Amino acid sequence: MQEFDMYIGKIMLYSPSVPVVIRNHIPIGYTRRLIQRYPQLDVAVVPDFIRKESAIEDEFNSDHLIIGGGSIIGNNRKLLRTGYEEAESIKLFLNTYLALRIAFFNEIDTFAELRGLDSKAIINALSFDKRVGDKYNNPSFGYGGKYLTESTCRLKNEFADIPETIIDNIRNANNVRKKHVVKRILERKPSVVGIFSFDTRTGINDFKYSPITDIIKLLQIEEVRVILYEPEIGLDRFMSADVINDFESFAKESDVIIANRYNDILLPYRYKVYCRDAFKIVEGNI
């Protein structure tokens, strides 16, 4: 936060009457400490709720706005005013809840897969209930992304001296899911496992936050050769895996292809594909 402190210091030096809006992730209690240092500071915490794949749309078309402290006024969106600490904590709780929801539906899918049940049917039935809804309900190899991953860790730290069990269990469930996926892949006894992209829904390039990276590590521990098809990565090798940019070469060399989300390009090789995308299940997936 040192760079941010310097930025605030410059504002107070040159434009002390200008209202300051904080939108990035900050520790809970940080804004109060700023005010103690600069009593005349007019500051508000306005957490954002944008998704990386639709950031512009979410920024300008969000139906609600949360403002913690300060004198700024909102627009015609639904407005909720809170204190500073509440506004600082909201994004952490929201992201952690989404991680919990993803982990829950992944465990439903693990249950359905091992019991021979129709995962999609169960999920659709639950989602039909308005209390549950139909968002963040499609099984995956685990939750990922920078915001969900970092928020669960940060919230765990905030709970350092507060009793809790759920936060730890969310992260444990995510790890159990990834180990289950690897176990299912190894049951096919592949010599070469092909990783089809990190995230075909969003095209994100913060690869280190993808659950696929942990799956690669677990496969390599088992001394399975891993190859990767990810045109966006711009490397010849990633995590000791060869990156193959020609899809046909990649598909033919792979004994098993794993995909977090199904893509029609996989259709000719569906008999090789392991994918738990409940809403894009194609007959022939292993």
Protein backbone atom coordinates (compact mmCIF):
# COMPACT_ATOMS: atom_id res chain seq x y z
CA MET A 1 0.00 0.00 0.00
CA GLN A 2 3.06 2.27 0.09
CA GLU A 3 2.51 3.53 -3.47
CA PHE A 4 -1.14 4.26 -2.70
CA ASP A 5 -0.12 6.16 0.46
CA MET A 6 2.20 8.32 -1.62
CA TYR A 7 -0.60 9.03 -4.10
CA ILE A 8 -2.94 10.17 -1.31
CA GLY A 9 -0.17 12.29 0.13
CA LYS A 10 0.24 14.13 -3.18
CA ILE A 11 -3.51 14.75 -3.39
CA MET A 12 -3.54 16.27 0.08
CA LEU A 13 -0.54 18.42 -0.79
CA TYR A 14 -1.80 19.83 -4.09
CA SER A 15 -5.59 19.34 -4.10
CA PRO A 16 -6.78 18.84 -0.51
CA SER A 17 -10.41 19.73 -1.30
CA VAL A 18 -10.82 17.15 -4.06
CA PRO A 19 -13.01 14.18 -3.05
CA VAL A 20 -11.18 10.84 -3.28
CA VAL A 21 -12.90 7.62 -4.35
CA ILE A 22 -11.15 4.33 -3.56
CA ARG A 23 -12.15 1.45 -5.82
CA ASN A 24 -9.25 -0.97 -5.59
CA HIS A 25 -8.73 -3.70 -3.01
CA ILE A 26 -7.51 -2.36 0.31
CA PRO A 27 -7.21 -3.91 3.80
CA ILE A 28 -10.20 -3.54 6.07
CA GLY A 29 -9.56 -0.50 8.27
CA TYR A 30 -7.21 1.21 5.81
CA THR A 31 -9.56 4.14 5.08
CA ARG A 32 -10.01 4.92 8.78
CA ARG A 33 -6.25 5.08 9.18
CA LEU A 34 -6.07 7.48 6.21
CA ILE A 35 -8.60 9.79 7.85
CA GLN A 36 -6.67 9.74 11.11
CA ARG A 37 -3.60 10.87 9.15
CA TYR A 38 -5.50 13.40 7.01
CA PRO A 39 -8.57 14.57 9.01
CA GLN A 40 -9.69 16.89 6.21
CA LEU A 41 -9.69 14.11 3.59
CA ASP A 42 -13.05 13.62 1.88
CA VAL A 43 -12.82 9.95 0.91
CA ALA A 44 -15.34 7.30 -0.08
CA VAL A 45 -14.90 3.58 -0.66
CA VAL A 46 -16.87 2.39 -3.70
CA PRO A 47 -16.30 -1.34 -4.32
CA ASP A 48 -16.62 -2.45 -7.93
CA PHE A 49 -18.49 -5.56 -8.99
CA ILE A 50 -17.16 -5.93 -12.52
CA ARG A 51 -16.27 -9.21 -14.21
CA LYS A 52 -13.15 -9.29 -16.32
CA GLU A 53 -14.96 -10.65 -19.36
CA SER A 54 -17.60 -7.89 -19.27
CA ALA A 55 -15.87 -5.07 -17.39
CA ILE A 56 -17.19 -2.15 -19.45
CA GLU A 57 -20.78 -3.40 -19.44
CA ASP A 58 -20.69 -4.08 -15.71
CA GLU A 59 -19.11 -0.71 -14.95
CA PHE A 60 -21.71 1.38 -16.78
CA ASN A 61 -24.81 -0.82 -16.52
CA SER A 62 -24.64 -2.07 -12.96
CA ASP A 63 -28.03 -1.73 -11.26
CA HIS A 64 -26.61 -0.86 -7.85
CA LEU A 65 -23.90 1.20 -6.20
CA ILE A 66 -22.37 0.90 -2.74
CA ILE A 67 -20.70 3.95 -1.19
CA GLY A 68 -18.79 3.73 2.06
CA GLY A 69 -18.42 7.11 3.76
CA GLY A 70 -17.50 10.37 2.05
CA SER A 71 -19.70 13.13 0.65
CA ILE A 72 -20.07 11.99 -2.96
CA ILE A 73 -23.58 11.27 -4.20
CA GLY A 74 -24.67 8.41 -6.42
CA ASN A 75 -26.46 8.40 -9.73
CA ASN A 76 -29.88 6.95 -10.45
CA ARG A 77 -28.80 3.41 -9.65
CA LYS A 78 -29.96 1.63 -6.52
CA LEU A 79 -27.75 3.09 -3.80
CA LEU A 80 -26.63 1.60 -0.51
CA ARG A 81 -24.57 3.66 1.91
CA THR A 82 -22.34 1.96 4.46
CA GLY A 83 -19.44 2.72 6.74
CA TYR A 84 -15.84 2.52 5.57
CA GLU A 85 -15.02 -0.91 6.96
CA GLU A 86 -18.25 -2.40 5.67
CA ALA A 87 -17.51 -1.15 2.14
CA GLU A 88 -13.93 -2.43 2.36
CA SER A 89 -15.13 -5.90 3.36
CA ILE A 90 -18.07 -6.34 0.95
CA LYS A 91 -16.01 -7.35 -2.09
CA LEU A 92 -14.07 -9.91 -0.04
CA PHE A 93 -17.27 -11.50 1.23
CA LEU A 94 -18.90 -11.41 -2.21
CA ASN A 95 -15.97 -13.06 -4.00
CA THR A 96 -15.59 -15.63 -1.26
CA TYR A 97 -19.29 -16.46 -1.47
CA LEU A 98 -18.97 -16.97 -5.23
CA ALA A 99 -16.01 -19.28 -4.62
CA LEU A 100 -18.15 -21.18 -2.10
CA ARG A 101 -20.97 -21.49 -4.62
CA ILE A 102 -18.64 -22.79 -7.33
CA ALA A 103 -17.13 -25.30 -4.89
CA PHE A 104 -20.61 -26.48 -3.89
CA PHE A 105 -21.77 -27.16 -7.45
CA ASN A 106 -18.46 -28.86 -8.19
CA GLU A 107 -19.09 -31.23 -5.30
CA ILE A 108 -22.57 -31.95 -6.65
CA ASP A 109 -20.92 -32.84 -9.96
CA THR A 110 -18.34 -35.10 -8.28
CA PHE A 111 -21.16 -36.91 -6.49
CA ALA A 112 -23.17 -37.27 -9.69
CA GLU A 113 -20.17 -38.45 -11.71
CA LEU A 114 -19.20 -41.18 -9.25
CA ARG A 115 -22.79 -42.30 -8.66
CA GLY A 116 -23.61 -42.36 -12.36
CA LEU A 117 -26.21 -39.61 -12.05
CA ASP A 118 -27.12 -36.80 -14.44
CA SER A 119 -25.29 -33.77 -13.04
CA LYS A 120 -27.13 -31.34 -15.30
CA ALA A 121 -30.54 -32.62 -14.18
CA ILE A 122 -29.68 -32.14 -10.50
CA ILE A 123 -28.23 -28.67 -11.07
CA ASN A 124 -31.20 -27.56 -13.18
CA ALA A 125 -33.60 -28.75 -10.48
CA LEU A 126 -31.75 -26.81 -7.78
CA SER A 127 -31.42 -23.73 -9.96
CA PHE A 128 -35.15 -23.81 -10.69
CA ASP A 129 -35.65 -22.76 -7.07
CA LYS A 130 -35.48 -18.96 -6.95
CA ARG A 131 -33.68 -19.13 -3.62
CA VAL A 132 -30.78 -20.81 -5.42
CA GLY A 133 -30.89 -19.26 -8.89
CA ASP A 134 -28.97 -20.21 -11.99
CA LYS A 135 -25.70 -18.24 -11.72
CA TYR A 136 -22.27 -19.75 -11.06
CA ASN A 137 -23.72 -23.24 -11.18
CA ASN A 138 -21.83 -24.90 -14.05
CA PRO A 139 -19.26 -27.44 -12.80
CA SER A 140 -15.62 -26.79 -13.53
CA PHE A 141 -12.20 -28.06 -12.52
CA GLY A 142 -12.23 -25.59 -9.64
CA TYR A 143 -12.72 -21.91 -9.03
CA GLY A 144 -9.93 -19.67 -10.25
CA GLY A 145 -9.24 -16.14 -11.36
CA LYS A 146 -7.27 -13.55 -9.47
CA TYR A 147 -10.19 -12.00 -7.57
CA LEU A 148 -11.75 -15.20 -6.22
CA THR A 149 -8.41 -16.76 -5.37
CA GLU A 150 -6.99 -13.70 -3.63
CA SER A 151 -10.23 -12.78 -1.86
CA THR A 152 -10.53 -16.16 -0.13
CA CYS A 153 -6.91 -15.86 1.06
CA ARG A 154 -7.32 -12.25 2.20
CA LEU A 155 -10.57 -12.99 4.00
CA LYS A 156 -8.92 -15.91 5.78
CA ASN A 157 -6.25 -13.49 7.02
CA GLU A 158 -8.92 -11.05 8.20
CA PHE A 159 -10.44 -13.91 10.24
CA ALA A 160 -7.09 -14.48 11.99
CA ASP A 161 -8.53 -14.00 15.51
CA ILE A 162 -12.17 -14.70 14.67
CA PRO A 163 -13.74 -18.20 14.84
CA GLU A 164 -14.49 -19.62 11.40
CA THR A 165 -14.60 -22.91 9.48
CA ILE A 166 -16.18 -22.08 6.12
CA ILE A 167 -13.28 -20.13 4.56
CA ASP A 168 -10.80 -22.97 5.07
CA ASN A 169 -13.31 -25.50 3.79
CA ILE A 170 -13.87 -23.54 0.58
CA ARG A 171 -10.19 -23.73 -0.26
CA ASN A 172 -9.98 -27.38 0.81
CA ALA A 173 -12.99 -28.24 -1.37
CA ASN A 174 -11.32 -26.57 -4.33
CA ASN A 175 -8.18 -28.65 -3.83
CA VAL A 176 -10.18 -31.86 -3.42
CA ARG A 177 -11.99 -31.14 -6.69
CA LYS A 178 -8.73 -30.70 -8.61
CA LYS A 179 -7.33 -33.92 -7.16
CA HIS A 180 -10.52 -35.73 -8.17
CA VAL A 181 -10.19 -34.46 -11.74
CA VAL A 182 -6.60 -35.69 -11.91
CA LYS A 183 -7.60 -39.08 -10.50
CA ARG A 184 -10.25 -39.48 -13.20
CA ILE A 185 -7.72 -38.56 -15.88
CA LEU A 186 -5.13 -41.02 -14.57
CA GLU A 187 -7.71 -43.81 -14.62
CA ARG A 188 -7.45 -43.62 -18.43
CA LYS A 189 -3.72 -44.41 -18.12
CA PRO A 190 -2.62 -41.73 -20.59
CA SER A 191 0.98 -41.22 -21.67
CA VAL A 192 0.21 -37.71 -22.91
CA VAL A 193 -2.47 -35.39 -21.50
CA GLY A 194 -3.45 -32.40 -23.59
CA ILE A 195 -4.67 -29.27 -21.82
CA PHE A 196 -7.15 -27.41 -24.01
CA SER A 197 -6.88 -23.76 -23.02
CA PHE A 198 -7.01 -22.21 -19.58
CA ASP A 199 -10.43 -20.61 -19.84
CA THR A 200 -12.31 -20.64 -23.13
CA ARG A 201 -15.15 -18.50 -21.74
CA THR A 202 -13.24 -15.36 -20.95
CA GLY A 203 -9.90 -15.60 -22.71
CA ILE A 204 -8.15 -14.38 -19.55
CA ASN A 205 -4.39 -14.37 -19.57
CA ASP A 206 -3.67 -14.40 -15.85
CA PHE A 207 -2.83 -18.08 -16.25
CA LYS A 208 -1.30 -18.56 -12.81
CA TYR A 209 -4.73 -18.16 -11.21
CA SER A 210 -6.36 -20.84 -13.37
CA PRO A 211 -7.22 -24.17 -11.70
CA ILE A 212 -5.60 -25.77 -14.74
CA THR A 213 -2.14 -24.80 -13.45
CA ASP A 214 -2.60 -26.97 -10.35
CA ILE A 215 -3.87 -29.84 -12.49
CA ILE A 216 -0.73 -29.57 -14.64
CA LYS A 217 1.43 -29.76 -11.50
CA LEU A 218 -0.44 -32.79 -10.17
CA LEU A 219 -0.14 -34.62 -13.49
CA GLN A 220 3.56 -33.87 -13.70
CA ILE A 221 4.08 -35.24 -10.20
CA GLU A 222 2.66 -38.50 -11.58
CA GLU A 223 5.22 -38.27 -14.40
CA VAL A 224 2.60 -37.85 -17.09
CA ARG A 225 3.68 -35.77 -20.08
CA VAL A 226 1.53 -32.68 -20.44
CA ILE A 227 1.10 -30.64 -23.61
CA LEU A 228 -0.86 -27.44 -23.92
CA TYR A 229 -3.00 -25.81 -26.56
CA GLU A 230 -3.29 -22.15 -25.64
CA PRO A 231 -2.76 -19.71 -28.55
CA GLU A 232 -2.94 -16.70 -26.23
CA ILE A 233 0.04 -17.65 -24.10
CA GLY A 234 2.72 -16.72 -26.66
CA LEU A 235 5.30 -19.21 -25.32
CA ASP A 236 6.89 -22.43 -26.56
CA ARG A 237 6.80 -23.98 -23.09
CA PHE A 238 4.79 -23.28 -19.97
CA MET A 239 5.32 -25.02 -16.61
CA SER A 240 7.59 -27.55 -18.36
CA ALA A 241 4.79 -28.41 -20.79
CA ASP A 242 5.18 -28.03 -24.54
CA VAL A 243 2.83 -25.43 -26.03
CA ILE A 244 1.44 -26.62 -29.37
CA ASN A 245 -0.36 -23.94 -31.34
CA ASP A 246 -1.59 -26.22 -34.12
CA PHE A 247 -4.80 -27.77 -32.81
CA GLU A 248 -4.79 -30.85 -35.04
CA SER A 249 -1.25 -31.75 -33.99
CA PHE A 250 -2.17 -31.15 -30.36
CA ALA A 251 -5.30 -33.32 -30.54
CA LYS A 252 -3.63 -36.23 -32.33
CA GLU A 253 -0.71 -36.31 -29.90
CA SER A 254 -2.95 -36.28 -26.82
CA ASP A 255 -4.24 -39.54 -25.33
CA VAL A 256 -6.67 -37.54 -23.19
CA ILE A 257 -7.74 -33.94 -23.77
CA ILE A 258 -9.04 -32.06 -20.74
CA ALA A 259 -11.11 -28.94 -21.16
CA ASN A 260 -12.59 -26.82 -18.39
CA ARG A 261 -15.21 -25.60 -20.87
CA TYR A 262 -16.30 -27.43 -23.99
CA ASN A 263 -15.61 -25.95 -27.41
CA ASP A 264 -16.97 -27.15 -30.74
CA ILE A 265 -13.44 -27.49 -32.09
CA LEU A 266 -13.14 -30.55 -29.82
CA LEU A 267 -16.08 -32.34 -31.42
CA PRO A 268 -14.07 -34.60 -33.80
CA TYR A 269 -12.00 -35.78 -30.81
CA ARG A 270 -14.83 -36.00 -28.27
CA TYR A 271 -13.91 -39.60 -27.43
CA LYS A 272 -10.65 -38.24 -25.97
CA VAL A 273 -12.16 -35.33 -24.08
CA TYR A 274 -12.62 -35.13 -20.32
CA CYS A 275 -14.83 -32.15 -19.53
CA ARG A 276 -17.31 -31.52 -16.73
CA ASP A 277 -19.14 -28.67 -18.46
CA ALA A 278 -22.69 -29.72 -17.54
CA PHE A 279 -24.35 -27.42 -20.05
CA LYS A 280 -22.23 -28.45 -23.02
CA ILE A 281 -22.08 -32.20 -22.60
CA VAL A 282 -21.41 -33.97 -25.90
CA GLU A 283 -22.05 -37.67 -26.34
CA GLY A 284 -18.75 -39.46 -26.48
CA ASN A 285 -16.93 -37.54 -23.70
CA ILE A 286 -14.96 -39.92 -21.54
